[in-house]
Protein backbone atom coordinates (compact mmCIF):
# COMPACT_ATOMS: atom_id res chain seq x y z
CA MET A 1 4.72 -9.08 104.94
CA GLN A 2 5.00 -12.10 107.26
CA LYS A 3 3.37 -14.40 104.68
CA ILE A 4 5.70 -13.14 101.95
CA LEU A 5 8.72 -13.64 104.18
CA GLY A 6 7.56 -17.21 104.75
CA TYR A 7 7.28 -17.85 101.01
CA ILE A 8 10.71 -16.31 100.34
CA ARG A 9 12.41 -18.19 103.14
CA ARG A 10 10.88 -21.48 102.02
CA ALA A 11 12.11 -20.98 98.43
CA CYS A 12 15.59 -19.97 99.63
CA GLN A 13 15.85 -23.07 101.80
CA GLU A 14 14.32 -25.58 99.36
CA PHE A 15 16.38 -24.45 96.38
CA ASP A 16 19.50 -23.15 98.21
CA LEU A 17 19.06 -19.74 96.61
CA ILE A 18 21.22 -17.77 99.06
CA GLU A 19 24.65 -18.57 100.51
CA ASP A 20 26.81 -16.77 103.06
CA GLY A 21 28.54 -13.74 101.56
CA ASP A 22 26.29 -13.43 98.51
CA LYS A 23 26.01 -10.03 96.87
CA ILE A 24 22.55 -9.96 95.33
CA ALA A 25 21.28 -7.47 92.77
CA VAL A 26 17.49 -7.24 92.75
CA GLY A 27 15.90 -6.31 89.43
CA VAL A 28 13.31 -3.68 90.38
CA SER A 29 10.97 -2.58 87.61
CA GLY A 30 8.70 -0.71 90.02
CA GLY A 31 5.90 -3.25 89.63
CA LYS A 32 4.28 -5.05 92.57
CA ASP A 33 6.38 -8.22 92.30
CA SER A 34 9.78 -6.55 92.26
CA LEU A 35 8.88 -4.13 95.06
CA VAL A 36 7.58 -6.92 97.29
CA LEU A 37 10.64 -9.05 96.51
CA LEU A 38 13.00 -6.19 97.35
CA ALA A 39 11.22 -5.43 100.64
CA GLY A 40 11.07 -9.11 101.57
CA LEU A 41 14.76 -9.76 100.93
CA ALA A 42 15.70 -6.54 102.73
CA ARG A 43 13.74 -7.49 105.84
CA MET A 44 14.88 -11.11 105.77
CA ARG A 45 18.48 -9.91 106.24
CA ARG A 46 17.66 -9.36 109.93
CA PHE A 47 17.07 -13.02 110.76
CA TYR A 48 18.11 -15.30 107.89
CA GLU A 49 20.85 -17.77 108.76
CA LYS A 50 22.92 -16.83 105.69
CA LYS A 51 24.34 -13.29 105.56
CA TYR A 52 24.07 -11.41 102.27
CA GLU A 53 24.18 -7.92 100.74
CA LEU A 54 21.51 -6.34 98.56
CA PHE A 55 21.63 -3.87 95.67
CA ALA A 56 18.58 -2.61 93.76
CA VAL A 57 18.88 -2.17 89.98
CA THR A 58 16.23 -0.45 87.86
CA LEU A 59 16.38 -0.38 84.06
CA ASP A 60 14.70 2.56 82.38
CA PRO A 61 13.52 1.51 78.86
CA ARG A 62 12.89 5.22 78.16
CA PHE A 63 9.54 4.95 76.38
CA GLY A 64 9.05 7.86 74.00
CA LYS A 65 12.77 8.62 74.45
CA GLU A 66 11.93 10.20 77.80
CA ASP A 67 13.38 9.36 81.21
CA GLY A 68 10.99 7.44 83.43
CA ASP A 69 10.13 8.53 86.97
CA TYR A 70 11.48 5.97 89.43
CA SER A 71 11.61 8.25 92.45
CA ALA A 72 9.17 5.94 94.28
CA VAL A 73 11.62 3.06 93.93
CA GLU A 74 14.47 5.25 95.12
CA ARG A 75 12.48 6.29 98.20
CA LEU A 76 11.70 2.68 99.08
CA CYS A 77 15.35 1.73 98.70
CA ALA A 78 16.33 4.53 101.08
CA GLU A 79 13.78 3.27 103.64
CA LEU A 80 15.10 -0.29 103.33
CA ASP A 81 18.77 0.78 103.39
CA VAL A 82 19.46 -0.78 99.98
CA PRO A 83 21.77 0.98 97.46
CA PHE A 84 19.82 2.03 94.35
CA THR A 85 21.14 2.11 90.77
CA LEU A 86 19.15 3.47 87.82
CA VAL A 87 20.34 2.37 84.39
CA PRO A 88 19.02 4.37 81.38
CA THR A 89 18.69 2.26 78.22
CA ASP A 90 17.49 2.57 74.62
CA ILE A 91 15.46 -0.63 74.80
CA ALA A 92 12.10 0.98 73.98
CA GLU A 93 13.51 2.83 70.97
CA ILE A 94 15.20 -0.29 69.59
CA VAL A 95 12.19 -2.57 70.08
CA PHE A 96 9.37 -0.24 69.03
CA ASP A 97 10.91 2.45 66.81
CA ILE A 98 13.89 0.86 65.08
CA ARG A 99 12.94 -2.82 64.90
CA LYS A 100 9.18 -2.17 64.98
CA GLU A 101 8.65 -5.62 66.48
CA PRO A 102 5.07 -6.93 65.95
CA SER A 103 5.61 -9.18 69.00
CA PRO A 104 7.96 -7.07 71.11
CA CYS A 105 8.01 -9.01 74.38
CA SER A 106 10.63 -11.61 73.43
CA LEU A 107 13.25 -9.13 72.20
CA CYS A 108 12.51 -6.71 75.04
CA ALA A 109 12.93 -9.46 77.66
CA LYS A 110 16.19 -10.60 76.08
CA MET A 111 17.60 -7.07 76.08
CA ARG A 112 16.46 -6.41 79.64
CA ARG A 113 18.07 -9.64 80.86
CA GLY A 114 21.37 -8.72 79.22
CA ALA A 115 21.32 -5.20 80.68
CA LEU A 116 20.43 -6.52 84.16
CA HIS A 117 23.22 -9.10 84.05
CA ASP A 118 25.74 -6.44 83.07
CA ALA A 119 24.52 -4.04 85.77
CA ALA A 120 24.69 -6.75 88.44
CA LYS A 121 28.24 -7.65 87.45
CA SER A 122 29.31 -4.00 87.45
CA LEU A 123 28.13 -3.78 91.09
CA GLY A 124 30.24 -6.79 92.03
CA CYS A 125 27.21 -9.04 92.53
CA ASN A 126 27.33 -12.80 92.07
CA LYS A 127 23.54 -13.23 92.02
CA LEU A 128 20.57 -11.53 90.41
CA ALA A 129 17.12 -11.86 92.01
CA LEU A 130 14.02 -11.59 89.83
CA GLY A 131 10.41 -11.21 90.99
CA HIS A 132 8.68 -14.10 89.23
CA ASN A 133 5.91 -15.47 91.44
CA TYR A 134 4.00 -18.77 91.71
CA ASP A 135 1.45 -17.77 89.05
CA ASP A 136 4.21 -16.65 86.67
CA ALA A 137 5.78 -20.12 86.87
CA ILE A 138 2.50 -21.87 86.02
CA GLU A 139 1.76 -19.43 83.18
CA THR A 140 5.24 -19.91 81.69
CA PHE A 141 4.91 -23.69 81.86
CA MET A 142 1.52 -23.56 80.10
CA MET A 143 2.70 -21.05 77.49
CA ASN A 144 5.61 -23.32 76.58
CA LEU A 145 3.24 -26.28 76.32
CA PHE A 146 0.55 -24.54 74.27
CA GLN A 147 2.71 -22.39 71.99
CA GLU A 148 5.93 -24.34 71.57
CA GLY A 149 4.78 -27.90 72.25
CA ARG A 150 7.44 -28.47 74.87
CA ILE A 151 7.59 -29.23 78.58
CA GLY A 152 9.58 -26.49 80.32
CA CYS A 153 9.69 -23.47 82.57
CA PHE A 154 12.23 -21.04 83.97
CA ALA A 155 14.22 -22.53 86.88
CA PRO A 156 14.10 -21.35 90.51
CA MET A 157 17.86 -20.91 90.21
CA SER A 158 20.12 -21.01 87.17
CA TYR A 159 23.82 -20.32 86.65
CA LEU A 160 24.73 -18.35 83.53
CA SER A 161 28.29 -19.38 82.69
CA ARG A 162 28.71 -16.77 79.95
CA LYS A 163 28.02 -13.97 82.43
CA ASP A 164 29.29 -15.83 85.52
CA ILE A 165 26.18 -14.90 87.48
CA THR A 166 23.42 -16.92 89.14
CA VAL A 167 19.78 -15.92 88.64
CA ILE A 168 17.47 -16.66 91.57
CA ARG A 169 13.70 -16.32 91.95
CA PRO A 170 12.83 -16.18 95.66
CA LEU A 171 9.12 -15.37 95.10
CA VAL A 172 8.23 -18.59 93.28
CA PHE A 173 6.10 -19.95 96.13
CA ALA A 174 4.16 -16.68 96.56
CA PRO A 175 0.76 -16.61 94.78
CA GLU A 176 0.03 -13.41 92.89
CA HIS A 177 -2.91 -12.55 95.17
CA ALA A 178 -0.55 -12.65 98.19
CA VAL A 179 1.89 -10.32 96.41
CA ILE A 180 -0.91 -7.88 95.53
CA SER A 181 -2.17 -7.93 99.11
CA CYS A 182 1.30 -7.31 100.51
CA ALA A 183 1.93 -4.38 98.17
CA LYS A 184 -1.38 -2.78 99.16
CA ARG A 185 -1.00 -3.34 102.90
CA ASN A 186 2.49 -1.85 102.90
CA GLY A 187 1.50 1.11 100.72
CA PHE A 188 4.14 0.46 98.08
CA GLU A 189 4.04 3.05 95.29
CA ILE A 190 3.70 1.12 92.03
CA VAL A 191 5.44 2.56 88.99
CA LYS A 192 2.87 2.16 86.21
CA SER A 193 4.23 0.59 83.05
CA LYS A 194 4.26 2.82 79.97
CA CYS A 195 4.83 -0.11 77.63
CA PRO A 196 2.39 -0.01 74.67
CA ALA A 197 2.08 -3.80 74.88
CA ASP A 198 1.14 -3.85 78.57
CA LYS A 199 -2.01 -5.96 79.20
CA HIS A 200 -2.03 -7.02 75.54
CA THR A 201 0.47 -9.87 75.71
CA THR A 202 0.37 -13.62 75.28
CA ARG A 203 1.05 -13.92 79.01
CA GLN A 204 -2.01 -11.83 79.81
CA THR A 205 -4.11 -14.10 77.59
CA MET A 206 -2.75 -17.18 79.41
CA LYS A 207 -3.36 -15.50 82.78
CA GLU A 208 -7.02 -14.96 81.88
CA PHE A 209 -7.34 -18.50 80.53
CA LEU A 210 -5.95 -20.02 83.74
CA SER A 211 -8.15 -17.78 85.86
CA ALA A 212 -11.25 -19.04 84.04
CA LEU A 213 -10.01 -22.63 84.30
CA GLU A 214 -9.41 -22.22 88.03
CA HIS A 215 -12.90 -20.82 88.46
CA GLU A 216 -14.40 -23.89 86.81
CA ASN A 217 -11.97 -26.44 88.29
CA HIS A 218 -10.83 -25.23 91.71
CA GLY A 219 -7.25 -26.26 92.47
CA VAL A 220 -6.18 -26.79 88.85
CA LYS A 221 -3.25 -24.35 89.16
CA GLN A 222 -2.05 -26.11 92.28
CA ARG A 223 -2.20 -29.44 90.46
CA ILE A 224 -0.23 -28.05 87.50
CA PHE A 225 2.41 -26.73 89.88
CA GLY A 226 2.49 -30.07 91.67
CA ALA A 227 3.04 -31.87 88.37
CA MET A 228 5.96 -29.56 87.58
CA ARG A 229 7.55 -30.46 90.90
CA LYS A 230 6.86 -34.20 90.71
CA GLY A 231 8.32 -34.30 87.22
CA ASN A 232 11.33 -32.21 88.30
CA ILE A 233 10.74 -29.91 85.34
CA ASP A 234 13.76 -27.59 85.03
CA ARG A 235 14.98 -28.32 88.57
CA TRP A 236 11.58 -27.70 90.21
CA GLY A 237 11.65 -31.12 91.92
CA TYR A 238 11.25 -31.79 95.60
CA ARG A 239 14.34 -32.47 97.71
């Protein structure tokens, strides 16, 4: 956990992600990234120079119109002394049954973002923390380049004026292998995704492509990330 705390603290300081008095909702899907992010932010409260409150929010897409089991997330929240909110939704039914989306990820992500923003606001939070890691940033940049022909990525921090909430991504310096290691070492119970598209997405294809590229050209991901920062792509620039 010490390495993860270092990555989180660095991101918070470099991008000014957290301010005194912030009320932060953490989007917790039950996957490794969100669990590690939640635990890291919860433990960082003890020593970080800015004081903040945390709230965990889990959206249940309700695959097969059945409630998901997020008891593992609830137990972790109790251990970390973080209030837990479970929000049932009809996202799975809308995306897969009603709309029958051939490429469901885009609509699903849009609906999840909207539901998370609303849940965070209902809890009185001014910020929403998401668990995107270092590898996610590189994959998103490359997906935008290859598929849309544009230079862009999500930002480490972005203010959404329509919702009056700021989205932060404190895990952006943490490589995926460090997140996986942390989750295993701490015995976090992963909630397995029931999404029919899981492991069959464009992101998964890009992940495998970059892994092969890294194997052949060691350090290529680091160089891509460095280029994003040097070019100040979507506020990724150095101070």
